[in-house]
Full PDB file with SEQRES, HELIX, SHEET, SSBOND, CRYST1, ORIGX, SCALE, CONECT and MASTER records, all heavy atoms in Angstrom:
SEQRES   1 A   38  SER GLN THR LEU ASP ILE TYR GLU MET ASN LEU GLU THR          
SEQRES   2 A   38  ARG GLU CYS ARG ARG ILE ILE PHE ARG ASP GLY SER ARG          
SEQRES   3 A   38  GLN PHE ASP LYS ILE PHE MET TYR GLY GLU GLU VAL              
SHEET    1 AA1 2 GLN A   2  LEU A   4  0                                        
SHEET    2 AA1 2 ILE A  31  MET A  33 -1                                        
SHEET    1 AA2 2 TYR A   7  MET A   9  0                                        
SHEET    2 AA2 2 CYS A  16  ARG A  18 -1                                        
SHEET    1 AA3 2 PHE A  21  ASP A  23  0                                        
SHEET    2 AA3 2 ARG A  26  PHE A  28 -1                                        
CRYST1    1.000    1.000    1.000  90.00  90.00  90.00 P 1           1          
ORIGX1      1.000000  0.000000  0.000000        0.00000                         
ORIGX2      0.000000  1.000000  0.000000        0.00000                         
ORIGX3      0.000000  0.000000  1.000000        0.00000                         
SCALE1      1.000000  0.000000  0.000000        0.00000                         
SCALE2      0.000000  1.000000  0.000000        0.00000                         
SCALE3      0.000000  0.000000  1.000000        0.00000                         
ATOM      1  N   SER A   1      15.898 -14.222   9.879  1.00  0.00           N  
ATOM      2  CA  SER A   1      16.793 -13.352   9.122  1.00  0.00           C  
ATOM      3  C   SER A   1      16.260 -11.931   9.082  1.00  0.00           C  
ATOM      4  O   SER A   1      15.108 -11.666   9.398  1.00  0.00           O  
ATOM      5  CB  SER A   1      16.969 -13.872   7.696  1.00  0.00           C  
ATOM      6  OG  SER A   1      15.782 -13.661   6.957  1.00  0.00           O  
ATOM      7  N   GLN A   2      17.140 -11.029   8.704  1.00  0.00           N  
ATOM      8  CA  GLN A   2      16.786  -9.624   8.576  1.00  0.00           C  
ATOM      9  C   GLN A   2      17.162  -9.170   7.176  1.00  0.00           C  
ATOM     10  O   GLN A   2      18.294  -9.382   6.748  1.00  0.00           O  
ATOM     11  CB  GLN A   2      17.560  -8.795   9.588  1.00  0.00           C  
ATOM     12  CG  GLN A   2      17.336  -9.195  11.015  1.00  0.00           C  
ATOM     13  CD  GLN A   2      18.256  -8.432  11.949  1.00  0.00           C  
ATOM     14  OE1 GLN A   2      18.601  -7.291  11.695  1.00  0.00           O  
ATOM     15  NE2 GLN A   2      18.645  -9.068  13.028  1.00  0.00           N  
ATOM     16  N   THR A   3      16.221  -8.581   6.429  1.00  0.00           N  
ATOM     17  CA  THR A   3      16.553  -7.981   5.147  1.00  0.00           C  
ATOM     18  C   THR A   3      16.838  -6.520   5.425  1.00  0.00           C  
ATOM     19  O   THR A   3      16.005  -5.812   5.981  1.00  0.00           O  
ATOM     20  CB  THR A   3      15.411  -8.138   4.131  1.00  0.00           C  
ATOM     21  OG1 THR A   3      14.236  -7.563   4.654  1.00  0.00           O  
ATOM     22  CG2 THR A   3      15.177  -9.597   3.791  1.00  0.00           C  
ATOM     23  N   LEU A   4      18.031  -6.088   5.043  1.00  0.00           N  
ATOM     24  CA  LEU A   4      18.504  -4.791   5.506  1.00  0.00           C  
ATOM     25  C   LEU A   4      19.108  -3.933   4.414  1.00  0.00           C  
ATOM     26  O   LEU A   4      19.637  -4.433   3.439  1.00  0.00           O  
ATOM     27  CB  LEU A   4      19.604  -4.997   6.566  1.00  0.00           C  
ATOM     28  CG  LEU A   4      19.252  -5.796   7.796  1.00  0.00           C  
ATOM     29  CD1 LEU A   4      20.498  -6.102   8.587  1.00  0.00           C  
ATOM     30  CD2 LEU A   4      18.254  -5.041   8.639  1.00  0.00           C  
ATOM     31  N   ASP A   5      19.058  -2.638   4.662  1.00  0.00           N  
ATOM     32  CA  ASP A   5      19.888  -1.659   3.990  1.00  0.00           C  
ATOM     33  C   ASP A   5      20.861  -1.160   5.055  1.00  0.00           C  
ATOM     34  O   ASP A   5      20.509  -1.074   6.230  1.00  0.00           O  
ATOM     35  CB  ASP A   5      19.070  -0.474   3.484  1.00  0.00           C  
ATOM     36  CG  ASP A   5      18.223  -0.827   2.271  1.00  0.00           C  
ATOM     37  OD1 ASP A   5      18.719  -1.539   1.389  1.00  0.00           O  
ATOM     38  OD2 ASP A   5      17.073  -0.378   2.216  1.00  0.00           O  
ATOM     39  N   ILE A   6      22.087  -0.830   4.649  1.00  0.00           N  
ATOM     40  CA  ILE A   6      23.075  -0.287   5.568  1.00  0.00           C  
ATOM     41  C   ILE A   6      23.353   1.152   5.153  1.00  0.00           C  
ATOM     42  O   ILE A   6      23.505   1.450   3.967  1.00  0.00           O  
ATOM     43  CB  ILE A   6      24.393  -1.104   5.541  1.00  0.00           C  
ATOM     44  CG1 ILE A   6      24.130  -2.574   5.853  1.00  0.00           C  
ATOM     45  CG2 ILE A   6      25.426  -0.504   6.491  1.00  0.00           C  
ATOM     46  CD1 ILE A   6      23.755  -2.875   7.275  1.00  0.00           C  
ATOM     47  N   TYR A   7      23.406   2.041   6.140  1.00  0.00           N  
ATOM     48  CA  TYR A   7      23.665   3.459   5.910  1.00  0.00           C  
ATOM     49  C   TYR A   7      24.879   3.903   6.705  1.00  0.00           C  
ATOM     50  O   TYR A   7      25.089   3.444   7.826  1.00  0.00           O  
ATOM     51  CB  TYR A   7      22.466   4.311   6.347  1.00  0.00           C  
ATOM     52  CG  TYR A   7      21.240   4.072   5.518  1.00  0.00           C  
ATOM     53  CD1 TYR A   7      20.374   3.033   5.816  1.00  0.00           C  
ATOM     54  CD2 TYR A   7      20.958   4.883   4.433  1.00  0.00           C  
ATOM     55  CE1 TYR A   7      19.244   2.806   5.053  1.00  0.00           C  
ATOM     56  CE2 TYR A   7      19.825   4.658   3.660  1.00  0.00           C  
ATOM     57  CZ  TYR A   7      18.978   3.622   3.978  1.00  0.00           C  
ATOM     58  OH  TYR A   7      17.868   3.396   3.218  1.00  0.00           O  
ATOM     59  N   GLU A   8      25.660   4.801   6.112  1.00  0.00           N  
ATOM     60  CA  GLU A   8      26.736   5.463   6.837  1.00  0.00           C  
ATOM     61  C   GLU A   8      26.195   6.805   7.321  1.00  0.00           C  
ATOM     62  O   GLU A   8      25.625   7.564   6.546  1.00  0.00           O  
ATOM     63  CB  GLU A   8      27.938   5.696   5.922  1.00  0.00           C  
ATOM     64  CG  GLU A   8      29.062   6.436   6.620  1.00  0.00           C  
ATOM     65  CD  GLU A   8      30.136   6.856   5.654  1.00  0.00           C  
ATOM     66  OE1 GLU A   8      31.071   6.078   5.440  1.00  0.00           O  
ATOM     67  OE2 GLU A   8      30.017   7.969   5.102  1.00  0.00           O  
ATOM     68  N   MET A   9      26.375   7.077   8.615  1.00  0.00           N  
ATOM     69  CA  MET A   9      25.858   8.319   9.198  1.00  0.00           C  
ATOM     70  C   MET A   9      27.015   9.159   9.726  1.00  0.00           C  
ATOM     71  O   MET A   9      27.863   8.664  10.466  1.00  0.00           O  
ATOM     72  CB  MET A   9      24.901   8.012  10.344  1.00  0.00           C  
ATOM     73  CG  MET A   9      24.361   9.225  11.037  1.00  0.00           C  
ATOM     74  SD  MET A   9      23.302   8.695  12.417  1.00  0.00           S  
ATOM     75  CE  MET A   9      22.575  10.229  12.876  1.00  0.00           C  
ATOM     76  N   ASN A  10      27.049  10.418   9.340  1.00  0.00           N  
ATOM     77  CA  ASN A  10      27.984  11.384   9.901  1.00  0.00           C  
ATOM     78  C   ASN A  10      27.416  11.807  11.250  1.00  0.00           C  
ATOM     79  O   ASN A  10      26.321  12.366  11.314  1.00  0.00           O  
ATOM     80  CB  ASN A  10      28.119  12.579   8.955  1.00  0.00           C  
ATOM     81  CG  ASN A  10      29.074  13.617   9.468  1.00  0.00           C  
ATOM     82  OD1 ASN A  10      29.085  13.963  10.655  1.00  0.00           O  
ATOM     83  ND2 ASN A  10      29.886  14.137   8.566  1.00  0.00           N  
ATOM     84  N   LEU A  11      28.122  11.509  12.340  1.00  0.00           N  
ATOM     85  CA  LEU A  11      27.591  11.790  13.673  1.00  0.00           C  
ATOM     86  C   LEU A  11      27.488  13.275  13.979  1.00  0.00           C  
ATOM     87  O   LEU A  11      26.687  13.674  14.818  1.00  0.00           O  
ATOM     88  CB  LEU A  11      28.446  11.099  14.740  1.00  0.00           C  
ATOM     89  CG  LEU A  11      28.407   9.575  14.720  1.00  0.00           C  
ATOM     90  CD1 LEU A  11      29.356   8.993  15.751  1.00  0.00           C  
ATOM     91  CD2 LEU A  11      26.991   9.064  14.946  1.00  0.00           C  
ATOM     92  N   GLU A  12      28.282  14.106  13.305  1.00  0.00           N  
ATOM     93  CA  GLU A  12      28.214  15.550  13.535  1.00  0.00           C  
ATOM     94  C   GLU A  12      27.013  16.184  12.842  1.00  0.00           C  
ATOM     95  O   GLU A  12      26.307  17.000  13.424  1.00  0.00           O  
ATOM     96  CB  GLU A  12      29.507  16.220  13.072  1.00  0.00           C  
ATOM     97  CG  GLU A  12      30.707  15.812  13.904  1.00  0.00           C  
ATOM     98  CD  GLU A  12      32.017  16.346  13.354  1.00  0.00           C  
ATOM     99  OE1 GLU A  12      32.022  16.970  12.269  1.00  0.00           O  
ATOM    100  OE2 GLU A  12      33.041  16.134  14.018  1.00  0.00           O  
ATOM    101  N   THR A  13      26.767  15.803  11.579  1.00  0.00           N  
ATOM    102  CA  THR A  13      25.690  16.424  10.809  1.00  0.00           C  
ATOM    103  C   THR A  13      24.408  15.596  10.801  1.00  0.00           C  
ATOM    104  O   THR A  13      23.367  16.085  10.374  1.00  0.00           O  
ATOM    105  CB  THR A  13      26.127  16.627   9.345  1.00  0.00           C  
ATOM    106  OG1 THR A  13      26.336  15.343   8.742  1.00  0.00           O  
ATOM    107  CG2 THR A  13      27.385  17.477   9.266  1.00  0.00           C  
ATOM    108  N   ARG A  14      24.508  14.319  11.197  1.00  0.00           N  
ATOM    109  CA  ARG A  14      23.397  13.350  11.164  1.00  0.00           C  
ATOM    110  C   ARG A  14      22.951  12.997   9.748  1.00  0.00           C  
ATOM    111  O   ARG A  14      21.885  12.438   9.545  1.00  0.00           O  
ATOM    112  CB  ARG A  14      22.190  13.859  11.968  1.00  0.00           C  
ATOM    113  CG  ARG A  14      22.501  14.218  13.394  1.00  0.00           C  
ATOM    114  CD  ARG A  14      22.419  13.004  14.270  1.00  0.00           C  
ATOM    115  NE  ARG A  14      23.014  13.191  15.569  1.00  0.00           N  
ATOM    116  CZ  ARG A  14      22.360  13.448  16.681  1.00  0.00           C  
ATOM    117  NH1 ARG A  14      21.059  13.559  16.650  1.00  0.00           N  
ATOM    118  NH2 ARG A  14      23.002  13.590  17.814  1.00  0.00           N  
ATOM    119  N   GLU A  15      23.774  13.335   8.760  1.00  0.00           N  
ATOM    120  CA  GLU A  15      23.492  12.977   7.375  1.00  0.00           C  
ATOM    121  C   GLU A  15      23.729  11.480   7.181  1.00  0.00           C  
ATOM    122  O   GLU A  15      24.749  10.937   7.609  1.00  0.00           O  
ATOM    123  CB  GLU A  15      24.392  13.758   6.417  1.00  0.00           C  
ATOM    124  CG  GLU A  15      24.206  13.366   4.974  1.00  0.00           C  
ATOM    125  CD  GLU A  15      25.239  14.000   4.040  1.00  0.00           C  
ATOM    126  OE1 GLU A  15      26.193  14.631   4.517  1.00  0.00           O  
ATOM    127  OE2 GLU A  15      25.076  13.835   2.830  1.00  0.00           O  
ATOM    128  N   CYS A  16      22.779  10.813   6.525  1.00  0.00           N  
ATOM    129  CA  CYS A  16      22.876   9.381   6.256  1.00  0.00           C  
ATOM    130  C   CYS A  16      22.979   9.141   4.756  1.00  0.00           C  
ATOM    131  O   CYS A  16      22.256   9.763   3.976  1.00  0.00           O  
ATOM    132  CB  CYS A  16      21.650   8.646   6.788  1.00  0.00           C  
ATOM    133  SG  CYS A  16      21.556   8.629   8.575  1.00  0.00           S  
ATOM    134  N   ARG A  17      23.889   8.241   4.386  1.00  0.00           N  
ATOM    135  CA  ARG A  17      24.050   7.873   2.981  1.00  0.00           C  
ATOM    136  C   ARG A  17      24.037   6.352   2.880  1.00  0.00           C  
ATOM    137  O   ARG A  17      24.691   5.663   3.658  1.00  0.00           O  
ATOM    138  CB  ARG A  17      25.349   8.437   2.425  1.00  0.00           C  
ATOM    139  CG  ARG A  17      25.397   9.960   2.539  1.00  0.00           C  
ATOM    140  CD  ARG A  17      26.650  10.568   1.984  1.00  0.00           C  
ATOM    141  NE  ARG A  17      27.850  10.007   2.615  1.00  0.00           N  
ATOM    142  CZ  ARG A  17      29.082  10.211   2.163  1.00  0.00           C  
ATOM    143  NH1 ARG A  17      29.289  10.936   1.089  1.00  0.00           N  
ATOM    144  NH2 ARG A  17      30.111   9.688   2.780  1.00  0.00           N  
ATOM    145  N   ARG A  18      23.298   5.843   1.923  1.00  0.00           N  
ATOM    146  CA  ARG A  18      23.129   4.397   1.755  1.00  0.00           C  
ATOM    147  C   ARG A  18      24.387   3.748   1.197  1.00  0.00           C  
ATOM    148  O   ARG A  18      25.026   4.266   0.287  1.00  0.00           O  
ATOM    149  CB  ARG A  18      21.952   4.121   0.818  1.00  0.00           C  
ATOM    150  CG  ARG A  18      21.595   2.672   0.703  1.00  0.00           C  
ATOM    151  CD  ARG A  18      20.285   2.510  -0.065  1.00  0.00           C  
ATOM    152  NE  ARG A  18      20.014   1.120  -0.286  1.00  0.00           N  
ATOM    153  CZ  ARG A  18      20.234   0.498  -1.440  1.00  0.00           C  
ATOM    154  NH1 ARG A  18      20.672   1.159  -2.479  1.00  0.00           N  
ATOM    155  NH2 ARG A  18      19.974  -0.784  -1.556  1.00  0.00           N  
ATOM    156  N   ILE A  19      24.740   2.594   1.744  1.00  0.00           N  
ATOM    157  CA  ILE A  19      25.844   1.779   1.235  1.00  0.00           C  
ATOM    158  C   ILE A  19      25.299   0.891   0.122  1.00  0.00           C  
ATOM    159  O   ILE A  19      24.268   0.240   0.283  1.00  0.00           O  
ATOM    160  CB  ILE A  19      26.446   0.907   2.362  1.00  0.00           C  
ATOM    161  CG1 ILE A  19      26.978   1.774   3.505  1.00  0.00           C  
ATOM    162  CG2 ILE A  19      27.516  -0.027   1.817  1.00  0.00           C  
ATOM    163  CD1 ILE A  19      28.178   2.600   3.186  1.00  0.00           C  
ATOM    164  N   ILE A  20      25.993   0.856  -1.013  1.00  0.00           N  
ATOM    165  CA  ILE A  20      25.602   0.047  -2.164  1.00  0.00           C  
ATOM    166  C   ILE A  20      26.406  -1.254  -2.133  1.00  0.00           C  
ATOM    167  O   ILE A  20      27.634  -1.229  -2.115  1.00  0.00           O  
ATOM    168  CB  ILE A  20      25.881   0.782  -3.496  1.00  0.00           C  
ATOM    169  CG1 ILE A  20      25.217   2.158  -3.506  1.00  0.00           C  
ATOM    170  CG2 ILE A  20      25.463  -0.081  -4.687  1.00  0.00           C  
ATOM    171  CD1 ILE A  20      23.730   2.137  -3.415  1.00  0.00           C  
ATOM    172  N   PHE A  21      25.721  -2.389  -2.128  1.00  0.00           N  
ATOM    173  CA  PHE A  21      26.363  -3.698  -2.136  1.00  0.00           C  
ATOM    174  C   PHE A  21      26.487  -4.163  -3.573  1.00  0.00           C  
ATOM    175  O   PHE A  21      25.518  -4.117  -4.331  1.00  0.00           O  
ATOM    176  CB  PHE A  21      25.550  -4.704  -1.314  1.00  0.00           C  
ATOM    177  CG  PHE A  21      25.678  -4.459   0.159  1.00  0.00           C  
ATOM    178  CD1 PHE A  21      24.965  -3.457   0.779  1.00  0.00           C  
ATOM    179  CD2 PHE A  21      26.557  -5.225   0.918  1.00  0.00           C  
ATOM    180  CE1 PHE A  21      25.103  -3.212   2.130  1.00  0.00           C  
ATOM    181  CE2 PHE A  21      26.704  -4.985   2.277  1.00  0.00           C  
ATOM    182  CZ  PHE A  21      25.974  -3.973   2.881  1.00  0.00           C  
ATOM    183  N   ARG A  22      27.712  -4.614  -3.930  1.00  0.00           N  
ATOM    184  CA  ARG A  22      27.926  -4.975  -5.329  1.00  0.00           C  
ATOM    185  C   ARG A  22      28.959  -6.091  -5.465  1.00  0.00           C  
ATOM    186  O   ARG A  22      29.789  -6.327  -4.595  1.00  0.00           O  
ATOM    187  CB  ARG A  22      28.371  -3.756  -6.128  1.00  0.00           C  
ATOM    188  CG  ARG A  22      29.721  -3.218  -5.698  1.00  0.00           C  
ATOM    189  CD  ARG A  22      30.084  -1.945  -6.408  1.00  0.00           C  
ATOM    190  NE  ARG A  22      31.418  -1.503  -5.992  1.00  0.00           N  
ATOM    191  CZ  ARG A  22      32.006  -0.432  -6.423  1.00  0.00           C  
ATOM    192  NH1 ARG A  22      31.395   0.353  -7.299  1.00  0.00           N  
ATOM    193  NH2 ARG A  22      33.218  -0.108  -6.011  1.00  0.00           N  
ATOM    194  N   ASP A  23      28.870  -6.738  -6.620  1.00  0.00           N  
ATOM    195  CA  ASP A  23      29.847  -7.724  -7.053  1.00  0.00           C  
ATOM    196  C   ASP A  23      30.227  -7.296  -8.461  1.00  0.00           C  
ATOM    197  O   ASP A  23      29.513  -7.603  -9.422  1.00  0.00           O  
ATOM    198  CB  ASP A  23      29.249  -9.126  -7.033  1.00  0.00           C  
ATOM    199  CG  ASP A  23      30.241 -10.189  -7.482  1.00  0.00           C  
ATOM    200  OD1 ASP A  23      31.444  -9.874  -7.610  1.00  0.00           O  
ATOM    201  OD2 ASP A  23      29.815 -11.339  -7.700  1.00  0.00           O  
ATOM    202  N   GLY A  24      31.302  -6.546  -8.580  1.00  0.00           N  
ATOM    203  CA  GLY A  24      31.662  -5.951  -9.868  1.00  0.00           C  
ATOM    204  C   GLY A  24      30.610  -4.924 -10.242  1.00  0.00           C  
ATOM    205  O   GLY A  24      30.301  -4.021  -9.477  1.00  0.00           O  
ATOM    206  N   SER A  25      29.981  -5.105 -11.405  1.00  0.00           N  
ATOM    207  CA  SER A  25      28.955  -4.159 -11.849  1.00  0.00           C  
ATOM    208  C   SER A  25      27.553  -4.560 -11.377  1.00  0.00           C  
ATOM    209  O   SER A  25      26.606  -3.797 -11.522  1.00  0.00           O  
ATOM    210  CB  SER A  25      28.972  -4.035 -13.365  1.00  0.00           C  
ATOM    211  OG  SER A  25      28.673  -5.285 -13.949  1.00  0.00           O  
ATOM    212  N   ARG A  26      27.402  -5.756 -10.824  1.00  0.00           N  
ATOM    213  CA  ARG A  26      26.097  -6.232 -10.340  1.00  0.00           C  
ATOM    214  C   ARG A  26      25.824  -5.709  -8.937  1.00  0.00           C  
ATOM    215  O   ARG A  26      26.646  -5.869  -8.042  1.00  0.00           O  
ATOM    216  CB  ARG A  26      26.084  -7.754 -10.344  1.00  0.00           C  
ATOM    217  CG  ARG A  26      24.724  -8.333 -10.066  1.00  0.00           C  
ATOM    218  CD  ARG A  26      24.747  -9.826 -10.195  1.00  0.00           C  
ATOM    219  NE  ARG A  26      24.606 -10.355  -8.844  1.00  0.00           N  
ATOM    220  CZ  ARG A  26      24.952 -11.558  -8.476  1.00  0.00           C  
ATOM    221  NH1 ARG A  26      25.501 -12.382  -9.333  1.00  0.00           N  
ATOM    222  NH2 ARG A  26      24.761 -11.966  -7.256  1.00  0.00           N  
ATOM    223  N   GLN A  27      24.682  -5.062  -8.740  1.00  0.00           N  
ATOM    224  CA  GLN A  27      24.306  -4.534  -7.432  1.00  0.00           C  
ATOM    225  C   GLN A  27      23.221  -5.393  -6.808  1.00  0.00           C  
ATOM    226  O   GLN A  27      22.409  -5.989  -7.507  1.00  0.00           O  
ATOM    227  CB  GLN A  27      23.809  -3.096  -7.553  1.00  0.00           C  
ATOM    228  CG  GLN A  27      24.893  -2.125  -7.934  1.00  0.00           C  
ATOM    229  CD  GLN A  27      24.412  -0.684  -7.919  1.00  0.00           C  
ATOM    230  OE1 GLN A  27      23.282  -0.386  -7.559  1.00  0.00           O  
ATOM    231  NE2 GLN A  27      25.277   0.220  -8.324  1.00  0.00           N  
ATOM    232  N   PHE A  28      23.227  -5.450  -5.472  1.00  0.00           N  
ATOM    233  CA  PHE A  28      22.228  -6.194  -4.724  1.00  0.00           C  
ATOM    234  C   PHE A  28      21.275  -5.210  -4.064  1.00  0.00           C  
ATOM    235  O   PHE A  28      21.714  -4.212  -3.499  1.00  0.00           O  
ATOM    236  CB  PHE A  28      22.894  -7.066  -3.653  1.00  0.00           C  
ATOM    237  CG  PHE A  28      23.926  -7.997  -4.206  1.00  0.00           C  
ATOM    238  CD1 PHE A  28      25.267  -7.769  -4.013  1.00  0.00           C  
ATOM    239  CD2 PHE A  28      23.552  -9.116  -4.938  1.00  0.00           C  
ATOM    240  CE1 PHE A  28      26.228  -8.622  -4.523  1.00  0.00           C  
ATOM    241  CE2 PHE A  28      24.497  -9.978  -5.456  1.00  0.00           C  
ATOM    242  CZ  PHE A  28      25.844  -9.726  -5.252  1.00  0.00           C  
ATOM    243  N   ASP A  29      19.972  -5.511  -4.125  1.00  0.00           N  
ATOM    244  CA  ASP A  29      18.976  -4.626  -3.524  1.00  0.00           C  
ATOM    245  C   ASP A  29      19.025  -4.668  -2.007  1.00  0.00           C  
ATOM    246  O   ASP A  29      18.961  -3.651  -1.344  1.00  0.00           O  
ATOM    247  CB  ASP A  29      17.566  -4.988  -3.993  1.00  0.00           C  
ATOM    248  CG  ASP A  29      17.354  -4.670  -5.462  1.00  0.00           C  
ATOM    249  OD1 ASP A  29      18.010  -3.742  -5.964  1.00  0.00           O  
ATOM    250  OD2 ASP A  29      16.553  -5.363  -6.095  1.00  0.00           O  
ATOM    251  N   LYS A  30      19.083  -5.846  -1.447  1.00  0.00           N  
ATOM    252  CA  LYS A  30      19.058  -6.028   0.007  1.00  0.00           C  
ATOM    253  C   LYS A  30      20.103  -7.056   0.387  1.00  0.00           C  
ATOM    254  O   LYS A  30      20.504  -7.882  -0.417  1.00  0.00           O  
ATOM    255  CB  LYS A  30      17.694  -6.540   0.487  1.00  0.00           C  
ATOM    256  CG  LYS A  30      16.529  -5.638   0.185  1.00  0.00           C  
ATOM    257  CD  LYS A  30      16.429  -4.540   1.200  1.00  0.00           C  
ATOM    258  CE  LYS A  30      15.170  -3.708   0.917  1.00  0.00           C  
ATOM    259  NZ  LYS A  30      15.086  -2.535   1.710  1.00  0.00           N  
ATOM    260  N   ILE A  31      20.508  -6.996   1.646  1.00  0.00           N  
ATOM    261  CA  ILE A  31      21.358  -8.046   2.177  1.00  0.00           C  
ATOM    262  C   ILE A  31      20.589  -8.772   3.264  1.00  0.00           C  
ATOM    263  O   ILE A  31      19.606  -8.261   3.796  1.00  0.00           O  
ATOM    264  CB  ILE A  31      22.708  -7.508   2.700  1.00  0.00           C  
ATOM    265  CG1 ILE A  31      22.494  -6.535   3.851  1.00  0.00           C  
ATOM    266  CG2 ILE A  31      23.506  -6.874   1.584  1.00  0.00           C  
ATOM    267  CD1 ILE A  31      23.765  -6.215   4.590  1.00  0.00           C  
ATOM    268  N   PHE A  32      21.031  -9.972   3.579  1.00  0.00           N  
ATOM    269  CA  PHE A  32      20.351 -10.822   4.554  1.00  0.00           C  
ATOM    270  C   PHE A  32      21.337 -11.179   5.645  1.00  0.00           C  
ATOM    271  O   PHE A  32      22.324 -11.862   5.396  1.00  0.00           O  
ATOM    272  CB  PHE A  32      19.821 -12.091   3.873  1.00  0.00           C  
ATOM    273  CG  PHE A  32      18.844 -11.798   2.779  1.00  0.00           C  
ATOM    274  CD1 PHE A  32      19.283 -11.540   1.491  1.00  0.00           C  
ATOM    275  CD2 PHE A  32      17.490 -11.759   3.047  1.00  0.00           C  
ATOM    276  CE1 PHE A  32      18.380 -11.257   0.484  1.00  0.00           C  
ATOM    277  CE2 PHE A  32      16.578 -11.475   2.044  1.00  0.00           C  
ATOM    278  CZ  PHE A  32      17.029 -11.223   0.750  1.00  0.00           C  
ATOM    279  N   MET A  33      21.060 -10.706   6.855  1.00  0.00           N  
ATOM    280  CA  MET A  33      21.980 -10.941   7.962  1.00  0.00           C  
ATOM    281  C   MET A  33      21.303 -11.756   9.047  1.00  0.00           C  
ATOM    282  O   MET A  33      20.118 -11.593   9.307  1.00  0.00           O  
ATOM    283  CB  MET A  33      22.469  -9.617   8.538  1.00  0.00           C  
ATOM    284  CG  MET A  33      23.335  -8.847   7.578  1.00  0.00           C  
ATOM    285  SD  MET A  33      23.795  -7.231   8.181  1.00  0.00           S  
ATOM    286  CE  MET A  33      24.655  -7.635   9.670  1.00  0.00           C  
ATOM    287  N   TYR A  34      22.078 -12.627   9.665  1.00  0.00           N  
ATOM    288  CA  TYR A  34      21.627 -13.439  10.786  1.00  0.00           C  
ATOM    289  C   TYR A  34      22.511 -13.074  11.968  1.00  0.00           C  
ATOM    290  O   TYR A  34      23.684 -13.435  11.992  1.00  0.00           O  
ATOM    291  CB  TYR A  34      21.762 -14.930  10.467  1.00  0.00           C  
ATOM    292  CG  TYR A  34      20.869 -15.361   9.344  1.00  0.00           C  
ATOM    293  CD1 TYR A  34      21.248 -15.202   8.028  1.00  0.00           C  
ATOM    294  CD2 TYR A  34      19.616 -15.896   9.609  1.00  0.00           C  
ATOM    295  CE1 TYR A  34      20.420 -15.589   6.991  1.00  0.00           C  
ATOM    296  CE2 TYR A  34      18.778 -16.288   8.586  1.00  0.00           C  
ATOM    297  CZ  TYR A  34      19.188 -16.125   7.278  1.00  0.00           C  
ATOM    298  OH  TYR A  34      18.370 -16.505   6.262  1.00  0.00           O  
ATOM    299  N   GLY A  35      21.968 -12.335  12.907  1.00  0.00           N  
ATOM    300  CA  GLY A  35      22.769 -11.926  14.062  1.00  0.00           C  
ATOM    301  C   GLY A  35      23.685 -10.769  13.715  1.00  0.00           C  
ATOM    302  O   GLY A  35      23.488 -10.064  12.736  1.00  0.00           O  
ATOM    303  N   GLU A  36      24.702 -10.584  14.522  1.00  0.00           N  
ATOM    304  CA  GLU A  36      25.622  -9.461  14.368  1.00  0.00           C  
ATOM    305  C   GLU A  36      26.829  -9.894  13.550  1.00  0.00           C  
ATOM    306  O   GLU A  36      27.751 -10.495  14.068  1.00  0.00           O  
ATOM    307  CB  GLU A  36      26.060  -8.960  15.740  1.00  0.00           C  
ATOM    308  CG  GLU A  36      24.903  -8.450  16.564  1.00  0.00           C  
ATOM    309  CD  GLU A  36      25.337  -8.042  17.955  1.00  0.00           C  
ATOM    310  OE1 GLU A  36      26.541  -7.953  18.212  1.00  0.00           O  
ATOM    311  OE2 GLU A  36      24.447  -7.813  18.771  1.00  0.00           O  
ATOM    312  N   GLU A  37      26.834  -9.593  12.288  1.00  0.00           N  
ATOM    313  CA  GLU A  37      27.919  -9.995  11.409  1.00  0.00           C  
ATOM    314  C   GLU A  37      28.571  -8.799  10.741  1.00  0.00           C  
ATOM    315  O   GLU A  37      28.810  -8.794   9.541  1.00  0.00           O  
ATOM    316  CB  GLU A  37      27.416 -11.006  10.376  1.00  0.00           C  
ATOM    317  CG  GLU A  37      27.001 -12.318  10.994  1.00  0.00           C  
ATOM    318  CD  GLU A  37      28.100 -12.992  11.822  1.00  0.00           C  
ATOM    319  OE1 GLU A  37      29.290 -12.879  11.483  1.00  0.00           O  
ATOM    320  OE2 GLU A  37      27.758 -13.619  12.830  1.00  0.00           O  
ATOM    321  N   VAL A  38      28.851  -7.766  11.516  1.00  0.00           N  
ATOM    322  CA  VAL A  38      29.543  -6.574  11.041  1.00  0.00           C  
ATOM    323  C   VAL A  38      30.747  -6.360  11.946  1.00  0.00           C  
ATOM    324  O   VAL A  38      30.617  -6.390  13.167  1.00  0.00           O  
ATOM    325  CB  VAL A  38      28.619  -5.334  11.086  1.00  0.00           C  
ATOM    326  CG1 VAL A  38      29.372  -4.084  10.678  1.00  0.00           C  
ATOM    327  CG2 VAL A  38      27.392  -5.538  10.218  1.00  0.00           C  
TER     328      VAL A  38                                                      
MASTER        0    0    0    0    6    0    0    6  327    1    0    3          
END                                                                             
């Protein structure tokens, strides 16, 4: 498995912003992915 953070990157400016994973008001620190599941 891979413990990951996901970022959105603007390809023009190269600015990266972190995606926040949540279930209502509860936030998750990391996600766990197996293979390519995006």
